[in-house]
C-alpha atoms as a PDB file:
ATOM      1  CA  MET A   1     -30.639 -18.526 -25.631  1.00  0.00           C
ATOM      2  CA  GLU A   2     -28.676 -15.984 -23.579  1.00  0.00           C
ATOM      3  CA  ASN A   3     -28.447 -16.405 -19.825  1.00  0.00           C
ATOM      4  CA  MET A   4     -26.696 -14.647 -16.953  1.00  0.00           C
ATOM      5  CA  LYS A   5     -24.149 -15.980 -14.535  1.00  0.00           C
ATOM      6  CA  THR A   6     -23.407 -14.319 -11.197  1.00  0.00           C
ATOM      7  CA  GLY A   7     -20.558 -14.879  -8.772  1.00  0.00           C
ATOM      8  CA  GLN A   8     -17.900 -13.418  -6.518  1.00  0.00           C
ATOM      9  CA  ALA A   9     -14.266 -12.750  -7.376  1.00  0.00           C
ATOM     10  CA  VAL A  10     -11.249 -10.649  -6.435  1.00  0.00           C
ATOM     11  CA  ILE A  11      -9.862  -7.723  -8.421  1.00  0.00           C
ATOM     12  CA  VAL A  12      -6.350  -8.736  -9.538  1.00  0.00           C
ATOM     13  CA  LYS A  13      -5.546  -5.873 -11.910  1.00  0.00           C
ATOM     14  CA  HIS A  14      -6.970  -2.577 -13.041  1.00  0.00           C
ATOM     15  CA  THR A  15      -6.080  -0.156 -15.799  1.00  0.00           C
ATOM     16  CA  GLY A  16      -8.383   2.813 -15.771  1.00  0.00           C
ATOM     17  CA  SER A  17     -11.893   1.603 -16.536  1.00  0.00           C
ATOM     18  CA  HIS A  18     -11.040  -2.067 -17.136  1.00  0.00           C
ATOM     19  CA  TYR A  19     -10.364  -4.758 -14.552  1.00  0.00           C
ATOM     20  CA  LEU A  20      -9.209  -8.346 -14.349  1.00  0.00           C
ATOM     21  CA  LEU A  21     -10.906 -10.662 -11.851  1.00  0.00           C
ATOM     22  CA  SER A  22     -10.164 -14.136 -10.536  1.00  0.00           C
ATOM     23  CA  GLN A  23     -12.037 -16.463  -8.183  1.00  0.00           C
ATOM     24  CA  LEU A  24      -9.199 -17.062  -5.724  1.00  0.00           C
ATOM     25  CA  PRO A  25      -7.570 -19.390  -4.854  1.00  0.00           C
ATOM     26  CA  THR A  26      -8.157 -20.504  -8.477  1.00  0.00           C
ATOM     27  CA  TRP A  27      -6.105 -18.318 -10.808  1.00  0.00           C
ATOM     28  CA  LYS A  28      -8.185 -17.954 -13.965  1.00  0.00           C
ATOM     29  CA  VAL A  29      -8.583 -14.310 -14.896  1.00  0.00           C
ATOM     30  CA  PHE A  30     -11.394 -12.684 -16.845  1.00  0.00           C
ATOM     31  CA  SER A  31     -12.138  -9.073 -17.734  1.00  0.00           C
ATOM     32  CA  ALA A  32     -14.764  -6.814 -16.194  1.00  0.00           C
ATOM     33  CA  VAL A  33     -16.068  -3.254 -16.137  1.00  0.00           C
ATOM     34  CA  ILE A  34     -17.920  -1.233 -13.489  1.00  0.00           C
ATOM     35  CA  ARG A  35     -21.573  -0.481 -13.765  1.00  0.00           C
ATOM     36  CA  GLY A  36     -22.353   3.227 -13.898  1.00  0.00           C
ATOM     37  CA  LYS A  37     -24.489   3.124 -10.757  1.00  0.00           C
ATOM     38  CA  LEU A  38     -21.618   1.707  -8.709  1.00  0.00           C
ATOM     39  CA  ARG A  39     -19.264   4.382 -10.033  1.00  0.00           C
ATOM     40  CA  LEU A  40     -21.626   7.151  -8.912  1.00  0.00           C
ATOM     41  CA  GLN A  41     -21.966   5.693  -5.412  1.00  0.00           C
ATOM     42  CA  THR A  42     -18.222   6.119  -4.802  1.00  0.00           C
ATOM     43  CA  SER A  43     -17.701   9.392  -6.630  1.00  0.00           C
ATOM     44  CA  ARG A  44     -15.192  10.818  -4.100  1.00  0.00           C
ATOM     45  CA  ALA A  45     -12.656   8.157  -5.025  1.00  0.00           C
ATOM     46  CA  THR A  46     -10.842   8.322  -8.344  1.00  0.00           C
ATOM     47  CA  ASN A  47     -11.071   4.525  -8.436  1.00  0.00           C
ATOM     48  CA  PRO A  48     -14.242   3.006  -6.926  1.00  0.00           C
ATOM     49  CA  VAL A  49     -12.733  -0.503  -7.025  1.00  0.00           C
ATOM     50  CA  ALA A  50      -9.152  -1.451  -6.127  1.00  0.00           C
ATOM     51  CA  VAL A  51      -6.891  -4.472  -6.476  1.00  0.00           C
ATOM     52  CA  GLY A  52      -7.678  -6.858  -3.630  1.00  0.00           C
ATOM     53  CA  ASP A  53     -11.349  -5.893  -3.476  1.00  0.00           C
ATOM     54  CA  ARG A  54     -13.833  -8.754  -3.268  1.00  0.00           C
ATOM     55  CA  VAL A  55     -16.707  -8.033  -5.647  1.00  0.00           C
ATOM     56  CA  LYS A  56     -19.932  -9.459  -6.980  1.00  0.00           C
ATOM     57  CA  TYR A  57     -20.305  -9.664 -10.735  1.00  0.00           C
ATOM     58  CA  GLU A  58     -22.624 -10.858 -13.464  1.00  0.00           C
ATOM     59  CA  VAL A  59     -21.814 -11.910 -16.999  1.00  0.00           C
ATOM     60  CA  SER A  60     -23.729 -12.918 -20.110  1.00  0.00           C
ATOM     61  CA  LEU A  61     -23.239 -16.427 -21.525  1.00  0.00           C
ATOM     62  CA  ASP A  62     -24.081 -17.613 -25.013  1.00  0.00           C
ATOM     63  CA  GLU A  63     -25.912 -20.841 -25.871  1.00  0.00           C
ATOM     64  CA  SER A  64     -22.744 -22.897 -25.439  1.00  0.00           C
ATOM     65  CA  GLY A  65     -22.044 -21.434 -21.999  1.00  0.00           C
ATOM     66  CA  GLN A  66     -19.149 -19.226 -23.121  1.00  0.00           C
ATOM     67  CA  ILE A  67     -18.725 -15.677 -21.850  1.00  0.00           C
ATOM     68  CA  LYS A  68     -20.011 -13.216 -24.433  1.00  0.00           C
ATOM     69  CA  ASP A  69     -18.585  -9.955 -23.103  1.00  0.00           C
ATOM     70  CA  ASP A  70     -16.879  -8.319 -20.135  1.00  0.00           C
ATOM     71  CA  ALA A  71     -18.362  -9.131 -16.744  1.00  0.00           C
ATOM     72  CA  ALA A  72     -20.142  -6.290 -14.935  1.00  0.00           C
ATOM     73  CA  ILE A  73     -19.027  -5.530 -11.380  1.00  0.00           C
ATOM     74  CA  THR A  74     -22.241  -4.961  -9.451  1.00  0.00           C
ATOM     75  CA  GLU A  75     -21.112  -4.618  -5.832  1.00  0.00           C
ATOM     76  CA  VAL A  76     -17.931  -4.135  -3.787  1.00  0.00           C
ATOM     77  CA  LEU A  77     -18.022  -6.327  -0.690  1.00  0.00           C
ATOM     78  CA  SER A  78     -16.971  -5.096   2.743  1.00  0.00           C
ATOM     79  CA  ARG A  79     -13.223  -4.427   3.121  1.00  0.00           C
ATOM     80  CA  LYS A  80     -11.221  -5.502   6.172  1.00  0.00           C
ATOM     81  CA  ASN A  81      -8.779  -2.661   5.400  1.00  0.00           C
ATOM     82  CA  TYR A  82      -7.484  -0.575   2.535  1.00  0.00           C
ATOM     83  CA  LEU A  83      -4.562   1.709   1.690  1.00  0.00           C
ATOM     84  CA  ILE A  84      -5.658   5.161   0.558  1.00  0.00           C
ATOM     85  CA  ARG A  85      -3.982   8.455  -0.267  1.00  0.00           C
ATOM     86  CA  LYS A  86      -4.988  11.902  -1.405  1.00  0.00           C
ATOM     87  CA  ALA A  87      -5.435  11.928  -5.161  1.00  0.00           C
ATOM     88  CA  THR A  88      -2.749  13.825  -7.059  1.00  0.00           C
ATOM     89  CA  ASN A  89      -3.729  17.495  -7.519  1.00  0.00           C
ATOM     90  CA  LEU A  90      -7.259  16.751  -6.305  1.00  0.00           C
ATOM     91  CA  SER A  91      -7.298  17.625  -2.631  1.00  0.00           C
ATOM     92  CA  ARG A  92     -10.917  16.596  -2.089  1.00  0.00           C
ATOM     93  CA  GLN A  93     -10.596  13.234  -3.801  1.00  0.00           C
ATOM     94  CA  SER A  94      -8.877  10.015  -2.827  1.00  0.00           C
ATOM     95  CA  HIS A  95      -7.168   7.121  -4.533  1.00  0.00           C
ATOM     96  CA  VAL A  96      -7.475   3.621  -3.075  1.00  0.00           C
ATOM     97  CA  ILE A  97      -4.210   1.778  -3.733  1.00  0.00           C
ATOM     98  CA  ALA A  98      -5.289  -1.710  -2.623  1.00  0.00           C
ATOM     99  CA  ALA A  99      -7.703  -3.483  -0.281  1.00  0.00           C
ATOM    100  CA  ASN A 100      -7.847  -6.485   2.060  1.00  0.00           C
ATOM    101  CA  ILE A 101      -4.095  -6.506   2.687  1.00  0.00           C
ATOM    102  CA  ASP A 102      -2.564  -9.051   5.063  1.00  0.00           C
ATOM    103  CA  MET A 103       0.829  -7.327   5.101  1.00  0.00           C
ATOM    104  CA  ALA A 104       2.284  -4.206   3.497  1.00  0.00           C
ATOM    105  CA  TYR A 105       5.994  -4.086   2.760  1.00  0.00           C
ATOM    106  CA  LEU A 106       7.406  -0.587   2.353  1.00  0.00           C
ATOM    107  CA  LEU A 107      10.693  -0.677   0.448  1.00  0.00           C
ATOM    108  CA  VAL A 108      13.076   2.137   1.351  1.00  0.00           C
ATOM    109  CA  THR A 109      16.609   3.096   0.363  1.00  0.00           C
ATOM    110  CA  LEU A 110      18.754   5.822   1.915  1.00  0.00           C
ATOM    111  CA  ASP A 111      20.361   6.221  -1.505  1.00  0.00           C
ATOM    112  CA  PHE A 112      19.953   4.690  -4.990  1.00  0.00           C
ATOM    113  CA  PRO A 113      17.401   6.525  -4.791  1.00  0.00           C
ATOM    114  CA  LYS A 114      16.830   8.368  -1.518  1.00  0.00           C
ATOM    115  CA  THR A 115      13.507   7.741   0.190  1.00  0.00           C
ATOM    116  CA  LYS A 116      12.439  10.873   2.029  1.00  0.00           C
ATOM    117  CA  TRP A 117      11.389  10.524   5.650  1.00  0.00           C
ATOM    118  CA  PRO A 118       8.080  12.455   5.310  1.00  0.00           C
ATOM    119  CA  PHE A 119       7.005   9.971   2.614  1.00  0.00           C
ATOM    120  CA  ILE A 120       7.833   7.036   4.881  1.00  0.00           C
ATOM    121  CA  ASP A 121       5.972   8.526   7.832  1.00  0.00           C
ATOM    122  CA  ARG A 122       2.847   9.360   5.825  1.00  0.00           C
ATOM    123  CA  PHE A 123       2.758   5.812   4.497  1.00  0.00           C
ATOM    124  CA  LEU A 124       3.170   4.369   7.994  1.00  0.00           C
ATOM    125  CA  VAL A 125       0.532   6.669   9.492  1.00  0.00           C
ATOM    126  CA  THR A 126      -1.965   5.614   6.829  1.00  0.00           C
ATOM    127  CA  CYS A 127      -1.265   1.935   7.514  1.00  0.00           C
ATOM    128  CA  GLU A 128      -1.807   2.550  11.226  1.00  0.00           C
ATOM    129  CA  ALA A 129      -5.048   4.449  10.584  1.00  0.00           C
ATOM    130  CA  TYR A 130      -6.502   1.798   8.255  1.00  0.00           C
ATOM    131  CA  ASN A 131      -5.387  -1.292  10.221  1.00  0.00           C
ATOM    132  CA  ILE A 132      -2.774  -2.584   7.784  1.00  0.00           C
ATOM    133  CA  PRO A 133       0.147  -4.584   9.237  1.00  0.00           C
ATOM    134  CA  ILE A 134       3.369  -3.039   7.945  1.00  0.00           C
ATOM    135  CA  LYS A 135       7.056  -3.930   7.694  1.00  0.00           C
ATOM    136  CA  ILE A 136       9.908  -1.780   6.392  1.00  0.00           C
ATOM    137  CA  LEU A 137      12.368  -3.362   3.971  1.00  0.00           C
ATOM    138  CA  MET A 138      15.760  -1.681   3.753  1.00  0.00           C
ATOM    139  CA  ASN A 139      16.582  -2.619   0.168  1.00  0.00           C
ATOM    140  CA  LYS A 140      19.884  -2.663  -1.774  1.00  0.00           C
ATOM    141  CA  ILE A 141      21.771  -3.210   1.477  1.00  0.00           C
ATOM    142  CA  ASP A 142      24.717  -4.626  -0.494  1.00  0.00           C
ATOM    143  CA  LEU A 143      25.394  -1.247  -2.123  1.00  0.00           C
ATOM    144  CA  TYR A 144      26.302   0.597   1.065  1.00  0.00           C
ATOM    145  CA  SER A 145      29.905   0.949   2.199  1.00  0.00           C
ATOM    146  CA  ASN A 146      31.049   0.426   5.770  1.00  0.00           C
ATOM    147  CA  ASP A 147      31.235   4.220   6.167  1.00  0.00           C
ATOM    148  CA  GLU A 148      27.512   4.457   5.345  1.00  0.00           C
ATOM    149  CA  ARG A 149      26.551   1.879   7.966  1.00  0.00           C
ATOM    150  CA  GLU A 150      26.237   4.578  10.617  1.00  0.00           C
ATOM    151  CA  GLY A 151      23.448   6.271   8.667  1.00  0.00           C
ATOM    152  CA  ILE A 152      21.622   2.986   8.175  1.00  0.00           C
ATOM    153  CA  ASP A 153      21.875   2.163  11.884  1.00  0.00           C
ATOM    154  CA  TYR A 154      20.606   5.633  12.779  1.00  0.00           C
ATOM    155  CA  PHE A 155      17.556   5.216  10.534  1.00  0.00           C
ATOM    156  CA  GLU A 156      16.801   1.706  11.728  1.00  0.00           C
ATOM    157  CA  ASN A 157      17.146   2.609  15.405  1.00  0.00           C
ATOM    158  CA  ILE A 158      14.569   5.371  15.017  1.00  0.00           C
ATOM    159  CA  TYR A 159      11.961   3.169  13.373  1.00  0.00           C
ATOM    160  CA  ARG A 160      12.619   0.131  15.523  1.00  0.00           C
ATOM    161  CA  GLY A 161      12.332   2.428  18.531  1.00  0.00           C
ATOM    162  CA  ALA A 162       8.966   3.578  17.207  1.00  0.00           C
ATOM    163  CA  GLY A 163       7.836  -0.062  17.089  1.00  0.00           C
ATOM    164  CA  TYR A 164       8.366  -1.112  13.477  1.00  0.00           C
ATOM    165  CA  ILE A 165      10.055  -4.229  12.149  1.00  0.00           C
ATOM    166  CA  ILE A 166      12.847  -3.536   9.642  1.00  0.00           C
ATOM    167  CA  GLU A 167      14.393  -6.212   7.449  1.00  0.00           C
ATOM    168  CA  GLU A 168      17.590  -5.636   5.458  1.00  0.00           C
ATOM    169  CA  ILE A 169      17.394  -7.173   1.989  1.00  0.00           C
ATOM    170  CA  SER A 170      19.253  -7.408  -1.276  1.00  0.00           C
ATOM    171  CA  THR A 171      17.891  -9.048  -4.405  1.00  0.00           C
ATOM    172  CA  TRP A 172      21.379  -9.092  -5.973  1.00  0.00           C
ATOM    173  CA  LYS A 173      23.001 -10.886  -3.038  1.00  0.00           C
ATOM    174  CA  ASN A 174      19.854 -12.835  -2.045  1.00  0.00           C
ATOM    175  CA  ILE A 175      19.848 -11.324   1.444  1.00  0.00           C
ATOM    176  CA  GLY A 176      16.569 -11.687   3.348  1.00  0.00           C
ATOM    177  CA  ILE A 177      14.589 -12.856   0.312  1.00  0.00           C
ATOM    178  CA  ASP A 178      13.859 -16.383   1.569  1.00  0.00           C
ATOM    179  CA  LYS A 179      12.418 -15.036   4.808  1.00  0.00           C
ATOM    180  CA  ILE A 180       9.983 -12.733   2.995  1.00  0.00           C
ATOM    181  CA  ARG A 181       8.971 -15.533   0.635  1.00  0.00           C
ATOM    182  CA  GLU A 182       8.138 -17.807   3.566  1.00  0.00           C
ATOM    183  CA  GLU A 183       6.104 -15.061   5.249  1.00  0.00           C
ATOM    184  CA  ILE A 184       3.981 -14.679   2.129  1.00  0.00           C
ATOM    185  CA  HIS A 185       3.574 -18.433   1.606  1.00  0.00           C
ATOM    186  CA  GLN A 186       2.308 -18.816   5.155  1.00  0.00           C
ATOM    187  CA  ASP A 187      -1.519 -18.848   5.162  1.00  0.00           C
ATOM    188  CA  ASN A 188      -1.529 -17.696   1.508  1.00  0.00           C
ATOM    189  CA  LYS A 189      -1.126 -14.066   2.533  1.00  0.00           C
ATOM    190  CA  LEU A 190      -2.056 -11.162   0.286  1.00  0.00           C
ATOM    191  CA  CYS A 191       0.882  -8.741   0.540  1.00  0.00           C
ATOM    192  CA  LEU A 192       1.453  -5.323  -0.945  1.00  0.00           C
ATOM    193  CA  PHE A 193       4.815  -3.936  -2.058  1.00  0.00           C
ATOM    194  CA  SER A 194       5.217  -0.182  -2.292  1.00  0.00           C
ATOM    195  CA  GLY A 195       7.845   2.530  -2.384  1.00  0.00           C
ATOM    196  CA  VAL A 196       9.169   5.376  -4.479  1.00  0.00           C
ATOM    197  CA  SER A 197      10.220   4.842  -8.090  1.00  0.00           C
ATOM    198  CA  GLY A 198      13.494   2.977  -8.483  1.00  0.00           C
ATOM    199  CA  VAL A 199      13.508   1.458  -5.009  1.00  0.00           C
ATOM    200  CA  GLY A 200      13.521  -2.080  -6.406  1.00  0.00           C
ATOM    201  CA  LYS A 201       9.988  -3.446  -6.135  1.00  0.00           C
ATOM    202  CA  SER A 202      10.011  -5.263  -9.468  1.00  0.00           C
ATOM    203  CA  SER A 203      13.431  -6.790  -8.815  1.00  0.00           C
ATOM    204  CA  LEU A 204      12.227  -8.048  -5.444  1.00  0.00           C
ATOM    205  CA  ILE A 205       9.119  -9.618  -6.955  1.00  0.00           C
ATOM    206  CA  LYS A 206      11.262 -11.324  -9.579  1.00  0.00           C
ATOM    207  CA  ALA A 207      13.580 -12.609  -6.828  1.00  0.00           C
ATOM    208  CA  LEU A 208      10.643 -13.960  -4.825  1.00  0.00           C
ATOM    209  CA  ASP A 209       9.356 -15.897  -7.835  1.00  0.00           C
ATOM    210  CA  PRO A 210      11.559 -16.044 -10.977  1.00  0.00           C
ATOM    211  CA  SER A 211       8.556 -17.161 -13.042  1.00  0.00           C
ATOM    212  CA  LEU A 212       7.049 -13.679 -12.646  1.00  0.00           C
ATOM    213  CA  ASP A 213       8.008 -10.730 -14.801  1.00  0.00           C
ATOM    214  CA  PRO A 214       6.239  -7.670 -13.377  1.00  0.00           C
ATOM    215  CA  VAL A 215       8.208  -5.241 -15.557  1.00  0.00           C
ATOM    216  CA  ILE A 216       7.455  -6.569 -19.047  1.00  0.00           C
ATOM    217  CA  GLY A 217       4.314  -8.595 -18.323  1.00  0.00           C
ATOM    218  CA  LYS A 218       1.336  -7.295 -20.271  1.00  0.00           C
ATOM    219  CA  MET A 219      -2.344  -8.069 -20.268  1.00  0.00           C
ATOM    220  CA  SER A 220      -3.297 -10.414 -23.065  1.00  0.00           C
ATOM    221  CA  LEU A 221      -6.647  -8.735 -23.596  1.00  0.00           C
ATOM    222  CA  SER A 222      -6.545  -6.582 -26.705  1.00  0.00           C
ATOM    223  CA  HIS A 223      -8.121  -3.476 -25.183  1.00  0.00           C
ATOM    224  CA  MET A 224      -5.453  -3.340 -22.428  1.00  0.00           C
ATOM    225  CA  GLN A 225      -2.251  -4.115 -24.299  1.00  0.00           C
ATOM    226  CA  GLY A 226       0.607  -1.662 -24.030  1.00  0.00           C
ATOM    227  CA  LYS A 227      -1.288   1.194 -22.414  1.00  0.00           C
ATOM    228  CA  HIS A 228       0.207   3.124 -19.486  1.00  0.00           C
ATOM    229  CA  THR A 229       1.912   0.080 -17.983  1.00  0.00           C
ATOM    230  CA  THR A 230       3.625   2.191 -15.335  1.00  0.00           C
ATOM    231  CA  THR A 231       0.254   3.009 -13.766  1.00  0.00           C
ATOM    232  CA  PHE A 232      -0.974  -0.560 -13.376  1.00  0.00           C
ATOM    233  CA  TYR A 233      -1.780  -1.986  -9.981  1.00  0.00           C
ATOM    234  CA  GLU A 234      -1.483  -5.742 -10.271  1.00  0.00           C
ATOM    235  CA  MET A 235      -1.714  -8.892  -8.162  1.00  0.00           C
ATOM    236  CA  HIS A 236       0.568 -11.855  -8.850  1.00  0.00           C
ATOM    237  CA  PRO A 237       0.239 -15.399  -7.461  1.00  0.00           C
ATOM    238  CA  LEU A 238       3.469 -16.822  -6.030  1.00  0.00           C
ATOM    239  CA  SER A 239       4.235 -20.370  -7.130  1.00  0.00           C
ATOM    240  CA  GLY A 240       4.631 -21.579  -3.533  1.00  0.00           C
ATOM    241  CA  GLY A 241       1.448 -19.924  -2.260  1.00  0.00           C
ATOM    242  CA  GLY A 242       0.279 -16.436  -1.435  1.00  0.00           C
ATOM    243  CA  TYR A 243      -0.227 -13.329  -3.546  1.00  0.00           C
ATOM    244  CA  ILE A 244       1.599 -10.047  -3.979  1.00  0.00           C
ATOM    245  CA  ILE A 245       0.333  -6.684  -5.177  1.00  0.00           C
ATOM    246  CA  ASP A 246       2.810  -4.629  -7.163  1.00  0.00           C
ATOM    247  CA  THR A 247       2.229  -0.870  -7.214  1.00  0.00           C
ATOM    248  CA  PRO A 248       3.720   1.856  -9.416  1.00  0.00           C
ATOM    249  CA  GLY A 249       6.408   4.025  -7.859  1.00  0.00           C
ATOM    250  CA  ILE A 250       4.787   6.711  -5.713  1.00  0.00           C
ATOM    251  CA  ARG A 251       6.188  10.232  -5.771  1.00  0.00           C
ATOM    252  CA  GLY A 252       4.148  11.615  -2.881  1.00  0.00           C
ATOM    253  CA  PHE A 253       1.765  10.310  -0.279  1.00  0.00           C
ATOM    254  CA  GLY A 254      -0.909  12.737   0.890  1.00  0.00           C
ATOM    255  CA  LEU A 255      -2.987  11.831   3.928  1.00  0.00           C
ATOM    256  CA  TYR A 256      -6.695  11.506   3.280  1.00  0.00           C
ATOM    257  CA  ASP A 257      -9.586  11.957   5.718  1.00  0.00           C
ATOM    258  CA  LEU A 258      -7.452  11.942   8.884  1.00  0.00           C
ATOM    259  CA  LYS A 259      -8.444  14.529  11.470  1.00  0.00           C
ATOM    260  CA  SER A 260      -5.577  16.584  12.891  1.00  0.00           C
ATOM    261  CA  GLU A 261      -6.450  15.683  16.476  1.00  0.00           C
ATOM    262  CA  ARG A 262      -6.103  11.992  15.643  1.00  0.00           C
ATOM    263  CA  ILE A 263      -2.846  12.018  13.657  1.00  0.00           C
ATOM    264  CA  SER A 264      -0.598  11.714  16.724  1.00  0.00           C
ATOM    265  CA  THR A 265      -2.414   8.506  17.749  1.00  0.00           C
ATOM    266  CA  TYR A 266      -1.003   6.853  14.612  1.00  0.00           C
ATOM    267  CA  PHE A 267       2.562   7.397  15.830  1.00  0.00           C
ATOM    268  CA  PRO A 268       3.145   4.386  18.124  1.00  0.00           C
ATOM    269  CA  GLU A 269       5.924   6.139  20.045  1.00  0.00           C
ATOM    270  CA  MET A 270       3.696   9.154  20.785  1.00  0.00           C
ATOM    271  CA  LEU A 271       0.854   6.885  21.832  1.00  0.00           C
ATOM    272  CA  ARG A 272       3.002   5.591  24.691  1.00  0.00           C
ATOM    273  CA  TYR A 273       3.156   9.006  26.357  1.00  0.00           C
ATOM    274  CA  MET A 274       0.126  11.073  25.360  1.00  0.00           C
ATOM    275  CA  ASP A 275      -2.130   9.808  28.158  1.00  0.00           C
ATOM    276  CA  ASN A 276       0.149  11.703  30.540  1.00  0.00           C
ATOM    277  CA  CYS A 277      -0.375  15.062  28.852  1.00  0.00           C
ATOM    278  CA  LYS A 278      -1.766  17.724  31.212  1.00  0.00           C
ATOM    279  CA  TYR A 279      -4.482  18.832  28.801  1.00  0.00           C
ATOM    280  CA  MET A 280      -6.714  16.635  26.667  1.00  0.00           C
ATOM    281  CA  PRO A 281      -6.989  16.850  23.771  1.00  0.00           C
ATOM    282  CA  CYS A 282      -3.383  17.915  23.246  1.00  0.00           C
ATOM    283  CA  THR A 283      -1.853  18.761  19.884  1.00  0.00           C
ATOM    284  CA  HIS A 284       1.672  18.211  21.280  1.00  0.00           C
ATOM    285  CA  THR A 285       2.805  21.504  19.789  1.00  0.00           C
ATOM    286  CA  HIS A 286       2.398  24.373  22.285  1.00  0.00           C
ATOM    287  CA  GLU A 287       0.487  23.095  25.317  1.00  0.00           C
ATOM    288  CA  PRO A 288       2.143  23.218  28.779  1.00  0.00           C
ATOM    289  CA  GLY A 289       2.632  19.897  30.510  1.00  0.00           C
ATOM    290  CA  CYS A 290       2.766  17.919  27.228  1.00  0.00           C
ATOM    291  CA  ALA A 291       4.182  14.449  27.868  1.00  0.00           C
ATOM    292  CA  VAL A 292       4.986  13.939  24.179  1.00  0.00           C
ATOM    293  CA  LYS A 293       7.160  17.078  24.034  1.00  0.00           C
ATOM    294  CA  LYS A 294       8.836  15.984  27.263  1.00  0.00           C
ATOM    295  CA  ALA A 295       9.641  12.601  25.681  1.00  0.00           C
ATOM    296  CA  LEU A 296      10.940  14.431  22.606  1.00  0.00           C
ATOM    297  CA  LYS A 297      13.258  16.547  24.744  1.00  0.00           C
ATOM    298  CA  GLU A 298      14.536  13.421  26.508  1.00  0.00           C
ATOM    299  CA  GLY A 299      15.290  11.703  23.193  1.00  0.00           C
ATOM    300  CA  LEU A 300      12.552   9.082  23.589  1.00  0.00           C
ATOM    301  CA  ILE A 301      10.847  10.364  20.431  1.00  0.00           C
ATOM    302  CA  SER A 302      13.006  11.250  17.429  1.00  0.00           C
ATOM    303  CA  ALA A 303      13.100  14.795  16.111  1.00  0.00           C
ATOM    304  CA  GLU A 304      12.729  13.446  12.550  1.00  0.00           C
ATOM    305  CA  ARG A 305       9.472  11.687  13.325  1.00  0.00           C
ATOM    306  CA  TYR A 306       8.151  14.635  15.332  1.00  0.00           C
ATOM    307  CA  ASN A 307       8.931  17.019  12.452  1.00  0.00           C
ATOM    308  CA  SER A 308       7.029  14.694  10.101  1.00  0.00           C
ATOM    309  CA  TYR A 309       4.080  14.933  12.478  1.00  0.00           C
ATOM    310  CA  LEU A 310       4.214  18.742  12.396  1.00  0.00           C
ATOM    311  CA  GLY A 311       4.273  18.619   8.589  1.00  0.00           C
ATOM    312  CA  MET A 312       1.134  16.484   8.573  1.00  0.00           C
ATOM    313  CA  LEU A 313      -0.657  19.002  10.802  1.00  0.00           C
ATOM    314  CA  GLU A 314       0.264  21.779   8.377  1.00  0.00           C
ATOM    315  CA  ASP A 315      -1.002  19.737   5.417  1.00  0.00           C
ATOM    316  CA  GLU A 316      -4.291  19.092   7.199  1.00  0.00           C
ATOM    317  CA  LYS A 317      -4.790  22.817   7.800  1.00  0.00           C
ATOM    318  CA  LYS A 318      -3.985  23.584   4.173  1.00  0.00           C
ATOM    319  CA  TYR A 319      -6.644  21.221   2.773  1.00  0.00           C
ATOM    320  CA  ARG A 320      -9.276  21.754   5.452  1.00  0.00           C
END
């Protein structure tokens, strides 16, 4: 006689319409699909369920108690936070990258490849807006010559001055890796790694836990094997405790659902001065008596970050 089993689990991988779930902290994955009703309820997102989401599910069991088919995800439980961006070429839709993140690590390189500042700032602004703790990892630090150190110091001074923590790391030379590993092990954190293609996310994950192979690892389920592996979002358990979410390389990061008058509040260095602006609200672009522009002129806010802010305002107008 067939019966139904219900439960709660966490999304640990998704590939299009199929998902893998596990009842953390136990790591025993099983496959699932979304019910049509749930998909319709979140129609503005290209993916109604993301890695890290806690969900309710139900599954059919046969007479021996074995699972007969994929589980059905019936409900997405409340998120404490999530990382979201504008969906590619779909200005009115969004893509949720991951949910319930304890720490996001943004890997950047000034070369090998170059990470563009507007990308970094849009990622940081989104983390600020959606309450995600964030650290910047300056990767491949061993590849830079002494002559390039000035550029690295310039970059790091700007972001440290804005209030961000930057760690210099190298997977090849094992610089800074132990510290990150311990941060993740502590309290079994769920951490996300992101950055542009080629920045070294997979190498870092491999360095954190040599038993993992995020590049060549494939799903064992037949309907997921070998399909679009570069688009997978996947969670991995670290052998010493904690979990990491690996994301595909991101080419662009469009802001989603952030009002123009609020964007400046997600720049920590602007937030320090804006209460002293003569007019409220203030866009910090043309108004007289603007404390943010005064701080910019005095070098207390970097021109690079301010220009990123102006670019975000222009994007918001474009898609309004």
